[in-house]
């Protein structure tokens, strides 16, 4: 196996992983938990 073929495979796999992470981050299922996490710095302990 040529090293350039291996590099190409690694690049494609990395790109697919990146796309899956982006899809997970923009998923509407996670919107509520992300919104809750975004508000944590503004919550004051009483």
N, C-alpha and C. Protein backbone atom coordinates (compact mmCIF):
# COMPACT_ATOMS: atom_id res chain seq x y z
N UNK A 1 0.85 -1.17 0.00
CA UNK A 1 0.00 0.00 0.00
C UNK A 1 0.90 1.24 0.00
N UNK A 2 0.62 2.11 -0.89
CA UNK A 2 1.37 3.35 -1.01
C UNK A 2 1.00 4.29 0.14
N UNK A 3 1.95 5.07 0.60
CA UNK A 3 1.71 5.98 1.71
C UNK A 3 0.67 7.05 1.34
N UNK A 4 0.59 7.42 0.09
CA UNK A 4 -0.40 8.43 -0.32
C UNK A 4 -1.83 7.90 -0.25
N UNK A 5 -2.00 6.62 -0.51
CA UNK A 5 -3.33 6.01 -0.36
C UNK A 5 -3.73 6.01 1.11
N UNK A 6 -2.80 5.67 1.97
CA UNK A 6 -3.07 5.69 3.41
C UNK A 6 -3.43 7.10 3.88
N UNK A 7 -2.70 8.09 3.41
CA UNK A 7 -3.01 9.48 3.77
C UNK A 7 -4.39 9.88 3.28
N UNK A 8 -4.75 9.45 2.10
CA UNK A 8 -6.07 9.77 1.56
C UNK A 8 -7.17 9.13 2.40
N UNK A 9 -6.96 7.89 2.78
CA UNK A 9 -7.95 7.20 3.61
C UNK A 9 -8.11 7.90 4.95
N UNK A 10 -7.01 8.27 5.57
CA UNK A 10 -7.06 8.96 6.86
C UNK A 10 -7.76 10.31 6.71
N UNK A 11 -7.51 11.01 5.63
CA UNK A 11 -8.17 12.30 5.40
C UNK A 11 -9.68 12.13 5.25
N UNK A 12 -10.10 11.14 4.49
CA UNK A 12 -11.53 10.90 4.28
C UNK A 12 -12.20 10.49 5.59
N UNK A 13 -11.57 9.61 6.35
CA UNK A 13 -12.15 9.18 7.63
C UNK A 13 -12.24 10.35 8.60
N UNK A 14 -11.23 11.18 8.65
CA UNK A 14 -11.25 12.35 9.53
C UNK A 14 -12.35 13.31 9.12
N UNK A 15 -12.54 13.51 7.83
CA UNK A 15 -13.59 14.40 7.34
C UNK A 15 -14.97 13.85 7.71
N UNK A 16 -15.15 12.55 7.59
CA UNK A 16 -16.44 11.94 7.96
C UNK A 16 -16.70 12.11 9.45
N UNK A 17 -15.68 11.92 10.26
CA UNK A 17 -15.83 12.13 11.71
C UNK A 17 -16.19 13.58 12.00
N UNK A 18 -15.55 14.51 11.32
CA UNK A 18 -15.86 15.93 11.50
C UNK A 18 -17.31 16.21 11.15
N UNK A 19 -17.78 15.67 10.03
CA UNK A 19 -19.18 15.89 9.64
C UNK A 19 -20.16 15.31 10.65
N UNK A 20 -19.82 14.17 11.22
CA UNK A 20 -20.69 13.58 12.24
C UNK A 20 -20.74 14.43 13.50
N UNK A 21 -19.61 15.01 13.89
CA UNK A 21 -19.58 15.89 15.06
C UNK A 21 -20.41 17.14 14.80
N UNK A 22 -20.30 17.71 13.62
CA UNK A 22 -21.11 18.89 13.27
C UNK A 22 -22.59 18.54 13.28
N UNK A 23 -22.96 17.41 12.72
CA UNK A 23 -24.36 16.99 12.72
C UNK A 23 -24.87 16.77 14.14
N UNK A 24 -24.03 16.21 15.00
CA UNK A 24 -24.42 16.01 16.41
C UNK A 24 -24.62 17.35 17.11
N UNK A 25 -23.72 18.30 16.84
CA UNK A 25 -23.80 19.60 17.51
C UNK A 25 -25.02 20.39 17.07
N UNK A 26 -25.43 20.25 15.83
CA UNK A 26 -26.58 20.99 15.31
C UNK A 26 -27.87 20.21 15.41
N UNK A 27 -27.84 19.04 16.01
CA UNK A 27 -29.04 18.22 16.14
C UNK A 27 -30.06 18.89 17.06
N UNK A 28 -31.31 18.84 16.66
CA UNK A 28 -32.35 19.47 17.48
C UNK A 28 -32.57 18.69 18.78
N UNK A 29 -32.17 17.43 18.82
CA UNK A 29 -32.30 16.65 20.07
C UNK A 29 -31.46 17.24 21.18
N UNK A 30 -30.32 17.82 20.83
CA UNK A 30 -29.38 18.33 21.82
C UNK A 30 -29.59 19.81 22.13
N UNK A 31 -30.50 20.45 21.46
CA UNK A 31 -30.67 21.90 21.62
C UNK A 31 -31.01 22.28 23.06
N UNK A 32 -31.89 21.53 23.69
CA UNK A 32 -32.31 21.86 25.05
C UNK A 32 -31.14 21.74 26.04
N UNK A 33 -30.38 20.68 25.95
CA UNK A 33 -29.27 20.51 26.88
C UNK A 33 -28.16 21.53 26.61
N UNK A 34 -27.95 21.88 25.35
CA UNK A 34 -26.95 22.91 25.04
C UNK A 34 -27.41 24.28 25.54
N UNK A 35 -28.69 24.57 25.43
CA UNK A 35 -29.21 25.84 25.92
C UNK A 35 -29.07 25.92 27.45
N UNK A 36 -29.35 24.83 28.11
CA UNK A 36 -29.19 24.78 29.56
C UNK A 36 -27.73 24.98 29.95
N UNK A 37 -26.83 24.35 29.25
CA UNK A 37 -25.40 24.50 29.53
C UNK A 37 -24.93 25.92 29.24
N UNK A 38 -25.51 26.56 28.24
CA UNK A 38 -25.12 27.93 27.91
C UNK A 38 -25.54 28.91 28.99
N UNK A 39 -26.59 28.59 29.73
CA UNK A 39 -27.08 29.49 30.77
C UNK A 39 -26.41 29.27 32.13
N UNK A 40 -25.60 28.24 32.26
CA UNK A 40 -24.96 27.95 33.54
C UNK A 40 -24.13 29.11 34.10
N UNK A 41 -23.36 29.84 33.31
CA UNK A 41 -22.58 30.94 33.90
C UNK A 41 -23.44 32.07 34.45
N UNK A 42 -24.67 32.16 33.99
CA UNK A 42 -25.54 33.25 34.42
C UNK A 42 -26.42 32.90 35.60
N UNK A 43 -26.47 31.62 35.95
CA UNK A 43 -27.26 31.20 37.11
C UNK A 43 -26.51 31.56 38.39
N UNK A 44 -27.24 32.17 39.31
CA UNK A 44 -26.62 32.55 40.57
C UNK A 44 -27.06 31.58 41.66
N UNK A 45 -26.09 31.16 42.45
CA UNK A 45 -26.43 30.30 43.58
C UNK A 45 -27.01 31.16 44.68
N UNK A 46 -28.07 30.66 45.27
CA UNK A 46 -28.72 31.45 46.34
C UNK A 46 -28.48 30.86 47.69
